[in-house]
Amino acid sequence: MLDYDLHIHTEYCGHAPGMTVKAICRRAEELGLSAIAITDHVYEPEGRAVIEKIKADLAAASPKLKVYVGVEVDVDADYTDGRLVTDSLDGLDIVTAGFHYVPTAGNYPKAPHENPLAPTVFMDYWQASLLGIVSNPKVDVLAHPGRLLASAVDLDVYFDAALGVFEKAAALSAKNKIAWELNELTGYRLSPFWQEQWHRIYRIALDAGVPLVYGSDAHAPEAIGVHTFVDMVRKKLPEHRLARPEEIAAGVLGKRSQDTSERTFISFENKHL
């Protein structure tokens, strides 16, 4: 059993009924978890205010386990450079970047036919955005790598090309000390065939020296700490130790104590490619 969960949402996101901070903490305690991270969605700059509500709720809940207050901040879909919707991210334990929406289009497709971009155009924008995300010194964790890809294009056609992009992203992630998330919820968005293939993304990360962390992406109490799909992926990977919560909260091996000038940072000036 994994003893932590670094990706949990609250009812404040609008689509996680019953997920009060108190209910989250109690469920995590029942499971015997040693630590959790509450990383609610921030879709726009004003969404940063939810963090103060969570901190107040957490103080009232008096949890018995370690609770990190983080955020899953969205990538700004108006651009193709991977910038986040806000840079106001100080005072957070963990900054997780969520890449949910088609760059320049702004929708979250459930299947390729809902992607308004031509597949080749999408792949160009997806690559530029992903490389921008993992070049951002404020990001600690890349949430659910490949989830947008899986819903926006035909993986049978584009997966091999995507692996080449992940190799570039992994090199940048390792240099910038950005962990990749083994995300439970992603498994429910994939067909059985692609569930079996998803380990290939994480093998690339491990080969490049990228830390891996676990997050359930729970939107309901019963989903906290679940790692069925994550276990499927891990069984296909070489023996390795997942990064610990305290390492991520410290900025992955002390990243935040490092001068950002020492890290690789990609910047794109154009709004669209």
C-alpha atoms as a PDB file:
ATOM      1  CA  MET A   1       0.000   0.000   0.000  1.00  0.00           C
ATOM      2  CA  LEU A   2       1.171   3.527  -0.767  1.00  0.00           C
ATOM      3  CA  ASP A   3       1.087   5.606   2.384  1.00  0.00           C
ATOM      4  CA  TYR A   4       0.510   9.039   0.855  1.00  0.00           C
ATOM      5  CA  ASP A   5      -1.652  10.761  -1.740  1.00  0.00           C
ATOM      6  CA  LEU A   6      -0.486  14.031  -3.289  1.00  0.00           C
ATOM      7  CA  HIS A   7      -3.476  14.906  -5.497  1.00  0.00           C
ATOM      8  CA  ILE A   8      -6.837  15.455  -3.804  1.00  0.00           C
ATOM      9  CA  HIS A   9      -9.604  17.917  -4.673  1.00  0.00           C
ATOM     10  CA  THR A  10     -12.174  19.606  -2.447  1.00  0.00           C
ATOM     11  CA  GLU A  11     -15.797  20.561  -2.937  1.00  0.00           C
ATOM     12  CA  TYR A  12     -14.631  24.096  -3.700  1.00  0.00           C
ATOM     13  CA  CYS A  13     -13.740  22.983  -7.228  1.00  0.00           C
ATOM     14  CA  GLY A  14     -17.449  22.571  -7.992  1.00  0.00           C
ATOM     15  CA  HIS A  15     -17.342  18.921  -9.081  1.00  0.00           C
ATOM     16  CA  ALA A  16     -16.304  17.038  -5.932  1.00  0.00           C
ATOM     17  CA  PRO A  17     -19.420  16.746  -3.746  1.00  0.00           C
ATOM     18  CA  GLY A  18     -18.806  15.672  -0.176  1.00  0.00           C
ATOM     19  CA  MET A  19     -15.129  16.548  -0.329  1.00  0.00           C
ATOM     20  CA  THR A  20     -14.907  18.910   2.600  1.00  0.00           C
ATOM     21  CA  VAL A  21     -11.456  19.357   4.041  1.00  0.00           C
ATOM     22  CA  LYS A  22     -12.605  17.644   7.235  1.00  0.00           C
ATOM     23  CA  ALA A  23     -14.020  14.656   5.303  1.00  0.00           C
ATOM     24  CA  ILE A  24     -10.796  14.350   3.316  1.00  0.00           C
ATOM     25  CA  CYS A  25      -8.659  14.333   6.448  1.00  0.00           C
ATOM     26  CA  ARG A  26     -10.850  11.818   8.235  1.00  0.00           C
ATOM     27  CA  ARG A  27     -10.836   9.450   5.243  1.00  0.00           C
ATOM     28  CA  ALA A  28      -7.061   9.703   4.936  1.00  0.00           C
ATOM     29  CA  GLU A  29      -6.713   8.951   8.652  1.00  0.00           C
ATOM     30  CA  GLU A  30      -8.992   5.919   8.330  1.00  0.00           C
ATOM     31  CA  LEU A  31      -6.733   4.615   5.562  1.00  0.00           C
ATOM     32  CA  GLY A  32      -3.649   5.053   7.708  1.00  0.00           C
ATOM     33  CA  LEU A  33      -1.992   7.480   5.290  1.00  0.00           C
ATOM     34  CA  SER A  34       0.996   9.366   6.630  1.00  0.00           C
ATOM     35  CA  ALA A  35       0.555  12.413   4.409  1.00  0.00           C
ATOM     36  CA  ILE A  36      -1.750  13.930   1.821  1.00  0.00           C
ATOM     37  CA  ALA A  37      -1.737  17.014  -0.367  1.00  0.00           C
ATOM     38  CA  ILE A  38      -4.884  18.998  -1.048  1.00  0.00           C
ATOM     39  CA  THR A  39      -4.327  20.372  -4.531  1.00  0.00           C
ATOM     40  CA  ASP A  40      -7.522  21.984  -5.680  1.00  0.00           C
ATOM     41  CA  HIS A  41      -8.054  23.409  -9.154  1.00  0.00           C
ATOM     42  CA  VAL A  42      -7.114  26.964 -10.000  1.00  0.00           C
ATOM     43  CA  TYR A  43      -8.519  27.762 -13.427  1.00  0.00           C
ATOM     44  CA  GLU A  44      -7.975  31.531 -13.374  1.00  0.00           C
ATOM     45  CA  PRO A  45      -5.994  34.064 -11.326  1.00  0.00           C
ATOM     46  CA  GLU A  46      -8.942  34.747  -9.024  1.00  0.00           C
ATOM     47  CA  GLY A  47      -9.103  31.051  -8.154  1.00  0.00           C
ATOM     48  CA  ARG A  48      -6.030  31.460  -5.962  1.00  0.00           C
ATOM     49  CA  ALA A  49      -8.389  32.679  -3.193  1.00  0.00           C
ATOM     50  CA  VAL A  50      -9.604  29.102  -2.598  1.00  0.00           C
ATOM     51  CA  ILE A  51      -6.295  28.318  -0.920  1.00  0.00           C
ATOM     52  CA  GLU A  52      -7.106  30.596   2.003  1.00  0.00           C
ATOM     53  CA  LYS A  53     -10.444  28.830   2.486  1.00  0.00           C
ATOM     54  CA  ILE A  54      -8.693  25.471   2.512  1.00  0.00           C
ATOM     55  CA  LYS A  55      -6.118  26.655   5.038  1.00  0.00           C
ATOM     56  CA  ALA A  56      -8.874  27.914   7.349  1.00  0.00           C
ATOM     57  CA  ASP A  57     -10.797  24.640   7.019  1.00  0.00           C
ATOM     58  CA  LEU A  58      -7.632  22.690   7.703  1.00  0.00           C
ATOM     59  CA  ALA A  59      -6.938  24.613  10.896  1.00  0.00           C
ATOM     60  CA  ALA A  60     -10.482  23.823  12.081  1.00  0.00           C
ATOM     61  CA  ALA A  61     -10.173  20.131  11.159  1.00  0.00           C
ATOM     62  CA  SER A  62      -7.027  19.555  13.265  1.00  0.00           C
ATOM     63  CA  PRO A  63      -5.846  16.524  11.243  1.00  0.00           C
ATOM     64  CA  LYS A  64      -3.652  13.866  12.809  1.00  0.00           C
ATOM     65  CA  LEU A  65      -1.613  13.319   9.638  1.00  0.00           C
ATOM     66  CA  LYS A  66       0.582  15.650   7.643  1.00  0.00           C
ATOM     67  CA  VAL A  67      -1.442  17.724   5.174  1.00  0.00           C
ATOM     68  CA  TYR A  68       0.302  19.746   2.494  1.00  0.00           C
ATOM     69  CA  VAL A  69      -1.624  22.636   0.989  1.00  0.00           C
ATOM     70  CA  GLY A  70      -0.919  22.818  -2.692  1.00  0.00           C
ATOM     71  CA  VAL A  71      -2.688  23.604  -5.927  1.00  0.00           C
ATOM     72  CA  GLU A  72      -3.378  22.078  -9.313  1.00  0.00           C
ATOM     73  CA  VAL A  73      -2.982  25.178 -11.399  1.00  0.00           C
ATOM     74  CA  ASP A  74      -4.114  25.007 -15.000  1.00  0.00           C
ATOM     75  CA  VAL A  75      -2.080  25.734 -18.066  1.00  0.00           C
ATOM     76  CA  ASP A  76      -3.379  28.845 -19.822  1.00  0.00           C
ATOM     77  CA  ALA A  77      -5.146  27.543 -22.935  1.00  0.00           C
ATOM     78  CA  ASP A  78      -4.950  30.931 -24.665  1.00  0.00           C
ATOM     79  CA  TYR A  79      -1.274  30.296 -25.302  1.00  0.00           C
ATOM     80  CA  THR A  80       0.964  27.568 -26.692  1.00  0.00           C
ATOM     81  CA  ASP A  81       3.949  28.070 -24.409  1.00  0.00           C
ATOM     82  CA  GLY A  82       2.718  26.183 -21.344  1.00  0.00           C
ATOM     83  CA  ARG A  83       2.386  29.229 -19.102  1.00  0.00           C
ATOM     84  CA  LEU A  84       0.108  28.842 -16.096  1.00  0.00           C
ATOM     85  CA  VAL A  85      -3.067  30.842 -15.529  1.00  0.00           C
ATOM     86  CA  THR A  86      -1.373  32.580 -12.601  1.00  0.00           C
ATOM     87  CA  ASP A  87       2.158  33.081 -11.327  1.00  0.00           C
ATOM     88  CA  SER A  88       0.880  33.929  -7.846  1.00  0.00           C
ATOM     89  CA  LEU A  89       2.015  30.666  -6.307  1.00  0.00           C
ATOM     90  CA  ASP A  90       4.015  31.697  -3.263  1.00  0.00           C
ATOM     91  CA  GLY A  91       3.147  30.196   0.111  1.00  0.00           C
ATOM     92  CA  LEU A  92       2.134  26.800  -1.291  1.00  0.00           C
ATOM     93  CA  ASP A  93       3.679  23.490  -0.319  1.00  0.00           C
ATOM     94  CA  ILE A  94       3.284  21.844  -3.721  1.00  0.00           C
ATOM     95  CA  VAL A  95       2.578  23.374  -7.138  1.00  0.00           C
ATOM     96  CA  THR A  96       1.134  20.828  -9.563  1.00  0.00           C
ATOM     97  CA  ALA A  97       0.590  21.841 -13.185  1.00  0.00           C
ATOM     98  CA  GLY A  98      -2.614  20.554 -14.774  1.00  0.00           C
ATOM     99  CA  PHE A  99      -2.625  20.379 -18.591  1.00  0.00           C
ATOM    100  CA  HIS A 100      -6.331  19.836 -19.346  1.00  0.00           C
ATOM    101  CA  TYR A 101      -7.387  22.050 -22.247  1.00  0.00           C
ATOM    102  CA  VAL A 102      -6.535  22.142 -25.946  1.00  0.00           C
ATOM    103  CA  PRO A 103      -4.124  25.046 -26.520  1.00  0.00           C
ATOM    104  CA  THR A 104      -5.754  27.948 -28.417  1.00  0.00           C
ATOM    105  CA  ALA A 105      -9.147  26.173 -28.405  1.00  0.00           C
ATOM    106  CA  GLY A 106      -9.736  25.984 -24.668  1.00  0.00           C
ATOM    107  CA  ASN A 107     -11.945  22.883 -24.538  1.00  0.00           C
ATOM    108  CA  TYR A 108     -11.396  19.573 -22.741  1.00  0.00           C
ATOM    109  CA  PRO A 109     -12.204  16.856 -25.287  1.00  0.00           C
ATOM    110  CA  LYS A 110     -13.501  13.489 -24.176  1.00  0.00           C
ATOM    111  CA  ALA A 111     -12.528  11.911 -27.507  1.00  0.00           C
ATOM    112  CA  PRO A 112     -10.524  12.944 -30.596  1.00  0.00           C
ATOM    113  CA  HIS A 113     -13.626  14.041 -32.504  1.00  0.00           C
ATOM    114  CA  GLU A 114     -14.116  16.761 -29.880  1.00  0.00           C
ATOM    115  CA  ASN A 115     -10.679  18.221 -30.561  1.00  0.00           C
ATOM    116  CA  PRO A 116     -11.255  21.196 -32.894  1.00  0.00           C
ATOM    117  CA  LEU A 117      -7.644  21.295 -34.074  1.00  0.00           C
ATOM    118  CA  ALA A 118      -6.176  19.206 -36.845  1.00  0.00           C
ATOM    119  CA  PRO A 119      -4.160  16.406 -35.213  1.00  0.00           C
ATOM    120  CA  THR A 120      -0.827  17.631 -36.576  1.00  0.00           C
ATOM    121  CA  VAL A 121      -1.532  21.156 -35.347  1.00  0.00           C
ATOM    122  CA  PHE A 122      -2.566  19.825 -31.955  1.00  0.00           C
ATOM    123  CA  MET A 123       0.644  17.808 -31.680  1.00  0.00           C
ATOM    124  CA  ASP A 124       2.739  20.908 -32.382  1.00  0.00           C
ATOM    125  CA  TYR A 125       0.855  22.956 -29.796  1.00  0.00           C
ATOM    126  CA  TRP A 126       0.865  20.102 -27.274  1.00  0.00           C
ATOM    127  CA  GLN A 127       4.627  19.685 -27.607  1.00  0.00           C
ATOM    128  CA  ALA A 128       5.353  23.392 -27.195  1.00  0.00           C
ATOM    129  CA  SER A 129       3.017  23.613 -24.215  1.00  0.00           C
ATOM    130  CA  LEU A 130       4.397  20.529 -22.484  1.00  0.00           C
ATOM    131  CA  LEU A 131       7.999  21.672 -22.875  1.00  0.00           C
ATOM    132  CA  GLY A 132       7.011  25.064 -21.503  1.00  0.00           C
ATOM    133  CA  ILE A 133       5.350  23.517 -18.451  1.00  0.00           C
ATOM    134  CA  VAL A 134       8.399  21.479 -17.492  1.00  0.00           C
ATOM    135  CA  SER A 135      10.619  24.527 -17.944  1.00  0.00           C
ATOM    136  CA  ASN A 136       8.732  26.565 -15.341  1.00  0.00           C
ATOM    137  CA  PRO A 137      10.754  26.866 -12.102  1.00  0.00           C
ATOM    138  CA  LYS A 138       7.557  27.334 -10.079  1.00  0.00           C
ATOM    139  CA  VAL A 139       6.226  23.870 -10.973  1.00  0.00           C
ATOM    140  CA  ASP A 140       6.959  20.940  -8.654  1.00  0.00           C
ATOM    141  CA  VAL A 141       4.823  18.207 -10.258  1.00  0.00           C
ATOM    142  CA  LEU A 142       3.500  17.530 -13.761  1.00  0.00           C
ATOM    143  CA  ALA A 143       0.005  16.141 -13.226  1.00  0.00           C
ATOM    144  CA  HIS A 144      -1.226  13.105 -15.188  1.00  0.00           C
ATOM    145  CA  PRO A 145       1.267  13.140 -18.095  1.00  0.00           C
ATOM    146  CA  GLY A 146      -0.430  12.298 -21.381  1.00  0.00           C
ATOM    147  CA  ARG A 147      -4.053  12.570 -20.291  1.00  0.00           C
ATOM    148  CA  LEU A 148      -4.903  15.398 -22.698  1.00  0.00           C
ATOM    149  CA  LEU A 149      -3.041  13.582 -25.462  1.00  0.00           C
ATOM    150  CA  ALA A 150      -5.146  10.455 -24.878  1.00  0.00           C
ATOM    151  CA  SER A 151      -8.403  12.345 -25.268  1.00  0.00           C
ATOM    152  CA  ALA A 152      -7.401  14.647 -28.135  1.00  0.00           C
ATOM    153  CA  VAL A 153      -5.809  12.384 -30.756  1.00  0.00           C
ATOM    154  CA  ASP A 154      -5.832   8.777 -31.915  1.00  0.00           C
ATOM    155  CA  LEU A 155      -3.126   7.118 -29.837  1.00  0.00           C
ATOM    156  CA  ASP A 156      -2.789   4.356 -32.422  1.00  0.00           C
ATOM    157  CA  VAL A 157      -1.474   7.001 -34.809  1.00  0.00           C
ATOM    158  CA  TYR A 158       0.356   9.482 -32.579  1.00  0.00           C
ATOM    159  CA  PHE A 159       1.627   7.630 -29.516  1.00  0.00           C
ATOM    160  CA  ASP A 160       5.075   6.814 -30.888  1.00  0.00           C
ATOM    161  CA  ALA A 161       5.591  10.448 -31.904  1.00  0.00           C
ATOM    162  CA  ALA A 162       4.386  11.507 -28.465  1.00  0.00           C
ATOM    163  CA  LEU A 163       7.034   9.318 -26.818  1.00  0.00           C
ATOM    164  CA  GLY A 164       9.664  11.389 -28.605  1.00  0.00           C
ATOM    165  CA  VAL A 165       8.130  14.518 -27.090  1.00  0.00           C
ATOM    166  CA  PHE A 166       8.105  12.902 -23.657  1.00  0.00           C
ATOM    167  CA  GLU A 167      11.833  12.228 -24.026  1.00  0.00           C
ATOM    168  CA  LYS A 168      12.433  15.966 -24.502  1.00  0.00           C
ATOM    169  CA  ALA A 169      10.094  16.766 -21.615  1.00  0.00           C
ATOM    170  CA  ALA A 170      11.804  14.237 -19.353  1.00  0.00           C
ATOM    171  CA  ALA A 171      15.229  15.759 -19.965  1.00  0.00           C
ATOM    172  CA  LEU A 172      13.904  19.189 -19.011  1.00  0.00           C
ATOM    173  CA  SER A 173      11.992  17.808 -16.027  1.00  0.00           C
ATOM    174  CA  ALA A 174      15.094  16.108 -14.676  1.00  0.00           C
ATOM    175  CA  LYS A 175      17.170  19.259 -15.076  1.00  0.00           C
ATOM    176  CA  ASN A 176      14.483  21.449 -13.505  1.00  0.00           C
ATOM    177  CA  LYS A 177      13.628  18.869 -10.807  1.00  0.00           C
ATOM    178  CA  ILE A 178       9.956  18.521 -11.731  1.00  0.00           C
ATOM    179  CA  ALA A 179       8.356  15.220 -10.734  1.00  0.00           C
ATOM    180  CA  TRP A 180       5.865  13.331 -12.895  1.00  0.00           C
ATOM    181  CA  GLU A 181       2.689  12.062 -11.323  1.00  0.00           C
ATOM    182  CA  LEU A 182       1.484   8.470 -11.395  1.00  0.00           C
ATOM    183  CA  ASN A 183      -2.182   9.424 -11.581  1.00  0.00           C
ATOM    184  CA  GLU A 184      -4.922   6.943 -10.707  1.00  0.00           C
ATOM    185  CA  LEU A 185      -7.779   8.771 -12.436  1.00  0.00           C
ATOM    186  CA  THR A 186      -6.013   8.661 -15.797  1.00  0.00           C
ATOM    187  CA  GLY A 187      -6.470   4.903 -15.902  1.00  0.00           C
ATOM    188  CA  TYR A 188     -10.234   5.287 -16.059  1.00  0.00           C
ATOM    189  CA  ARG A 189      -9.855   7.473 -19.177  1.00  0.00           C
ATOM    190  CA  LEU A 190      -7.878   4.851 -21.110  1.00  0.00           C
ATOM    191  CA  SER A 191      -8.914   1.709 -22.938  1.00  0.00           C
ATOM    192  CA  PRO A 192      -7.537  -1.585 -21.561  1.00  0.00           C
ATOM    193  CA  PHE A 193      -4.937  -1.689 -24.323  1.00  0.00           C
ATOM    194  CA  TRP A 194      -3.575   1.759 -23.491  1.00  0.00           C
ATOM    195  CA  GLN A 195      -3.678   1.096 -19.780  1.00  0.00           C
ATOM    196  CA  GLU A 196      -1.182  -1.661 -20.510  1.00  0.00           C
ATOM    197  CA  GLN A 197       0.991   0.703 -22.584  1.00  0.00           C
ATOM    198  CA  TRP A 198       1.013   3.701 -20.249  1.00  0.00           C
ATOM    199  CA  HIS A 199       4.114   2.510 -18.391  1.00  0.00           C
ATOM    200  CA  ARG A 200       6.155   3.485 -21.454  1.00  0.00           C
ATOM    201  CA  ILE A 201       5.702   7.159 -20.611  1.00  0.00           C
ATOM    202  CA  TYR A 202       7.013   6.644 -17.096  1.00  0.00           C
ATOM    203  CA  ARG A 203       9.913   4.457 -18.222  1.00  0.00           C
ATOM    204  CA  ILE A 204      11.104   7.446 -20.248  1.00  0.00           C
ATOM    205  CA  ALA A 205      10.847   9.594 -17.127  1.00  0.00           C
ATOM    206  CA  LEU A 206      12.825   7.111 -15.018  1.00  0.00           C
ATOM    207  CA  ASP A 207      15.500   6.711 -17.682  1.00  0.00           C
ATOM    208  CA  ALA A 208      16.004  10.494 -17.595  1.00  0.00           C
ATOM    209  CA  GLY A 209      16.137  10.618 -13.796  1.00  0.00           C
ATOM    210  CA  VAL A 210      12.728  12.218 -13.247  1.00  0.00           C
ATOM    211  CA  PRO A 211      11.206  11.631  -9.780  1.00  0.00           C
ATOM    212  CA  LEU A 212       7.809   9.922  -9.750  1.00  0.00           C
ATOM    213  CA  VAL A 213       5.059  10.598  -7.204  1.00  0.00           C
ATOM    214  CA  TYR A 214       1.617   9.132  -6.610  1.00  0.00           C
ATOM    215  CA  GLY A 215      -1.667  11.027  -6.700  1.00  0.00           C
ATOM    216  CA  SER A 216      -5.200   9.634  -6.779  1.00  0.00           C
ATOM    217  CA  ASP A 217      -6.762  12.782  -8.265  1.00  0.00           C
ATOM    218  CA  ALA A 218      -9.652  12.009  -5.920  1.00  0.00           C
ATOM    219  CA  HIS A 219     -12.916  13.898  -6.345  1.00  0.00           C
ATOM    220  CA  ALA A 220     -14.808  11.677  -3.864  1.00  0.00           C
ATOM    221  CA  PRO A 221     -13.860  10.342  -0.414  1.00  0.00           C
ATOM    222  CA  GLU A 222     -13.836   6.721  -1.585  1.00  0.00           C
ATOM    223  CA  ALA A 223     -11.262   7.575  -4.283  1.00  0.00           C
ATOM    224  CA  ILE A 224      -8.654   8.865  -1.823  1.00  0.00           C
ATOM    225  CA  GLY A 225      -5.636   6.579  -1.666  1.00  0.00           C
ATOM    226  CA  VAL A 226      -6.817   4.267  -4.453  1.00  0.00           C
ATOM    227  CA  HIS A 227      -3.946   3.094  -6.659  1.00  0.00           C
ATOM    228  CA  THR A 228      -5.182   0.149  -8.729  1.00  0.00           C
ATOM    229  CA  PHE A 229      -4.141   1.584 -12.105  1.00  0.00           C
ATOM    230  CA  VAL A 230      -0.989   3.032 -10.588  1.00  0.00           C
ATOM    231  CA  ASP A 231      -0.013  -0.455  -9.387  1.00  0.00           C
ATOM    232  CA  MET A 232      -0.562  -1.795 -12.913  1.00  0.00           C
ATOM    233  CA  VAL A 233       1.863   0.800 -14.242  1.00  0.00           C
ATOM    234  CA  ARG A 234       4.430   0.277 -11.482  1.00  0.00           C
ATOM    235  CA  LYS A 235       4.554  -3.481 -12.051  1.00  0.00           C
ATOM    236  CA  LYS A 236       5.842  -2.816 -15.569  1.00  0.00           C
ATOM    237  CA  LEU A 237       8.553  -0.419 -14.402  1.00  0.00           C
ATOM    238  CA  PRO A 238      12.009  -1.240 -13.044  1.00  0.00           C
ATOM    239  CA  GLU A 239      12.337  -1.370  -9.279  1.00  0.00           C
ATOM    240  CA  HIS A 240      12.455   2.181  -7.995  1.00  0.00           C
ATOM    241  CA  ARG A 241      11.481   4.276  -5.022  1.00  0.00           C
ATOM    242  CA  LEU A 242       8.738   6.831  -5.442  1.00  0.00           C
ATOM    243  CA  ALA A 243       9.701  10.282  -4.237  1.00  0.00           C
ATOM    244  CA  ARG A 244       8.479  11.058  -0.736  1.00  0.00           C
ATOM    245  CA  PRO A 245       6.018  13.885  -0.012  1.00  0.00           C
ATOM    246  CA  GLU A 246       8.595  15.802   2.003  1.00  0.00           C
ATOM    247  CA  GLU A 247      10.942  15.809  -0.984  1.00  0.00           C
ATOM    248  CA  ILE A 248       8.270  17.262  -3.246  1.00  0.00           C
ATOM    249  CA  ALA A 249       7.164  19.828  -0.681  1.00  0.00           C
ATOM    250  CA  ALA A 250      10.784  20.908  -0.371  1.00  0.00           C
ATOM    251  CA  GLY A 251      10.789  21.540  -4.104  1.00  0.00           C
ATOM    252  CA  VAL A 252      12.085  18.092  -5.113  1.00  0.00           C
ATOM    253  CA  LEU A 253      15.469  17.644  -3.470  1.00  0.00           C
ATOM    254  CA  GLY A 254      15.682  21.260  -2.380  1.00  0.00           C
ATOM    255  CA  LYS A 255      14.860  22.850  -5.725  1.00  0.00           C
ATOM    256  CA  ARG A 256      13.581  26.072  -4.214  1.00  0.00           C
ATOM    257  CA  SER A 257      16.898  26.736  -2.509  1.00  0.00           C
ATOM    258  CA  GLN A 258      18.587  26.626  -5.892  1.00  0.00           C
ATOM    259  CA  ASP A 259      19.071  29.782  -7.938  1.00  0.00           C
ATOM    260  CA  THR A 260      16.633  29.634 -10.859  1.00  0.00           C
ATOM    261  CA  SER A 261      19.364  30.918 -13.161  1.00  0.00           C
ATOM    262  CA  GLU A 262      20.976  27.480 -12.856  1.00  0.00           C
ATOM    263  CA  ARG A 263      17.937  25.738 -14.347  1.00  0.00           C
ATOM    264  CA  THR A 264      16.879  25.439 -17.948  1.00  0.00           C
ATOM    265  CA  PHE A 265      13.879  27.610 -18.786  1.00  0.00           C
ATOM    266  CA  ILE A 266      12.180  27.723 -22.164  1.00  0.00           C
ATOM    267  CA  SER A 267      10.276  30.872 -23.044  1.00  0.00           C
ATOM    268  CA  PHE A 268       8.053  31.438 -26.076  1.00  0.00           C
ATOM    269  CA  GLU A 269       7.145  35.040 -26.847  1.00  0.00           C
ATOM    270  CA  ASN A 270       4.346  34.351 -29.303  1.00  0.00           C
ATOM    271  CA  LYS A 271       0.773  33.830 -28.160  1.00  0.00           C
ATOM    272  CA  HIS A 272       0.302  31.121 -30.796  1.00  0.00           C
ATOM    273  CA  LEU A 273       2.846  29.119 -32.764  1.00  0.00           C
END
